Amino acid sequence: MLKKIYDELVLIRKEIQAIRKSKELDAMSFS
């Protein structure tokens, strides 16, 4: 049970990091 919750948190964190990276790339291309 805890393992499943942990796995989901890890996936969410990876998605957030990917979104953050793409936003940084967008900011770089605009400047």
N, C-alpha and C. Protein backbone atom coordinates (compact mmCIF):
# COMPACT_ATOMS: atom_id res chain seq x y z
N MET A 1 0.84 -1.21 0.00
CA MET A 1 0.00 0.00 0.00
C MET A 1 0.87 1.26 0.00
N LEU A 2 1.78 1.35 0.98
CA LEU A 2 2.66 2.52 1.02
C LEU A 2 3.53 2.59 -0.23
N LYS A 3 3.95 1.42 -0.71
CA LYS A 3 4.80 1.38 -1.90
C LYS A 3 4.09 2.02 -3.09
N LYS A 4 2.80 1.73 -3.22
CA LYS A 4 2.04 2.28 -4.35
C LYS A 4 1.97 3.81 -4.25
N ILE A 5 1.70 4.31 -3.07
CA ILE A 5 1.62 5.77 -2.87
C ILE A 5 2.98 6.40 -3.19
N TYR A 6 4.04 5.75 -2.71
CA TYR A 6 5.39 6.27 -2.96
C TYR A 6 5.69 6.32 -4.45
N ASP A 7 5.34 5.23 -5.16
CA ASP A 7 5.58 5.19 -6.61
C ASP A 7 4.84 6.32 -7.31
N GLU A 8 3.60 6.58 -6.89
CA GLU A 8 2.83 7.64 -7.52
C GLU A 8 3.46 9.00 -7.25
N LEU A 9 3.95 9.20 -6.03
CA LEU A 9 4.61 10.47 -5.71
C LEU A 9 5.85 10.67 -6.56
N VAL A 10 6.60 9.60 -6.77
CA VAL A 10 7.81 9.69 -7.60
C VAL A 10 7.44 10.08 -9.03
N LEU A 11 6.37 9.47 -9.56
CA LEU A 11 5.94 9.78 -10.92
C LEU A 11 5.52 11.24 -11.02
N ILE A 12 4.75 11.71 -10.04
CA ILE A 12 4.30 13.10 -10.05
C ILE A 12 5.49 14.04 -10.00
N ARG A 13 6.47 13.70 -9.17
CA ARG A 13 7.66 14.55 -9.04
C ARG A 13 8.42 14.61 -10.36
N LYS A 14 8.52 13.47 -11.05
CA LYS A 14 9.20 13.45 -12.35
C LYS A 14 8.46 14.32 -13.35
N GLU A 15 7.12 14.27 -13.33
CA GLU A 15 6.34 15.09 -14.25
C GLU A 15 6.56 16.57 -13.97
N ILE A 16 6.59 16.94 -12.68
CA ILE A 16 6.81 18.33 -12.32
C ILE A 16 8.18 18.80 -12.80
N GLN A 17 9.19 17.95 -12.62
CA GLN A 17 10.54 18.32 -13.06
C GLN A 17 10.58 18.49 -14.58
N ALA A 18 9.88 17.63 -15.31
CA ALA A 18 9.85 17.72 -16.77
C ALA A 18 9.16 19.02 -17.20
N ILE A 19 8.06 19.37 -16.53
CA ILE A 19 7.36 20.61 -16.85
C ILE A 19 8.26 21.81 -16.56
N ARG A 20 8.96 21.76 -15.43
CA ARG A 20 9.84 22.85 -15.04
C ARG A 20 10.95 23.02 -16.07
N LYS A 21 11.51 21.89 -16.53
CA LYS A 21 12.59 21.96 -17.54
C LYS A 21 12.07 22.57 -18.83
N SER A 22 10.89 22.16 -19.27
CA SER A 22 10.35 22.68 -20.53
C SER A 22 10.06 24.18 -20.39
N LYS A 23 9.62 24.60 -19.20
CA LYS A 23 9.37 26.04 -18.99
C LYS A 23 10.68 26.80 -19.04
N GLU A 24 11.75 26.25 -18.47
CA GLU A 24 13.05 26.92 -18.51
C GLU A 24 13.53 27.02 -19.96
N LEU A 25 13.31 25.97 -20.74
CA LEU A 25 13.73 26.01 -22.14
C LEU A 25 12.93 27.08 -22.89
N ASP A 26 11.63 27.18 -22.61
CA ASP A 26 10.81 28.22 -23.24
C ASP A 26 11.34 29.60 -22.88
N ALA A 27 11.68 29.81 -21.62
CA ALA A 27 12.19 31.11 -21.19
C ALA A 27 13.50 31.43 -21.90
N MET A 28 14.35 30.41 -22.08
CA MET A 28 15.64 30.63 -22.75
C MET A 28 15.41 31.02 -24.21
N SER A 29 14.48 30.34 -24.87
CA SER A 29 14.27 30.60 -26.30
C SER A 29 13.65 32.00 -26.50
N PHE A 30 12.92 32.49 -25.51
CA PHE A 30 12.31 33.82 -25.64
C PHE A 30 13.35 34.92 -25.45
N SER A 31 14.29 34.71 -24.55
CA SER A 31 15.25 35.77 -24.27
C SER A 31 16.27 35.93 -25.39
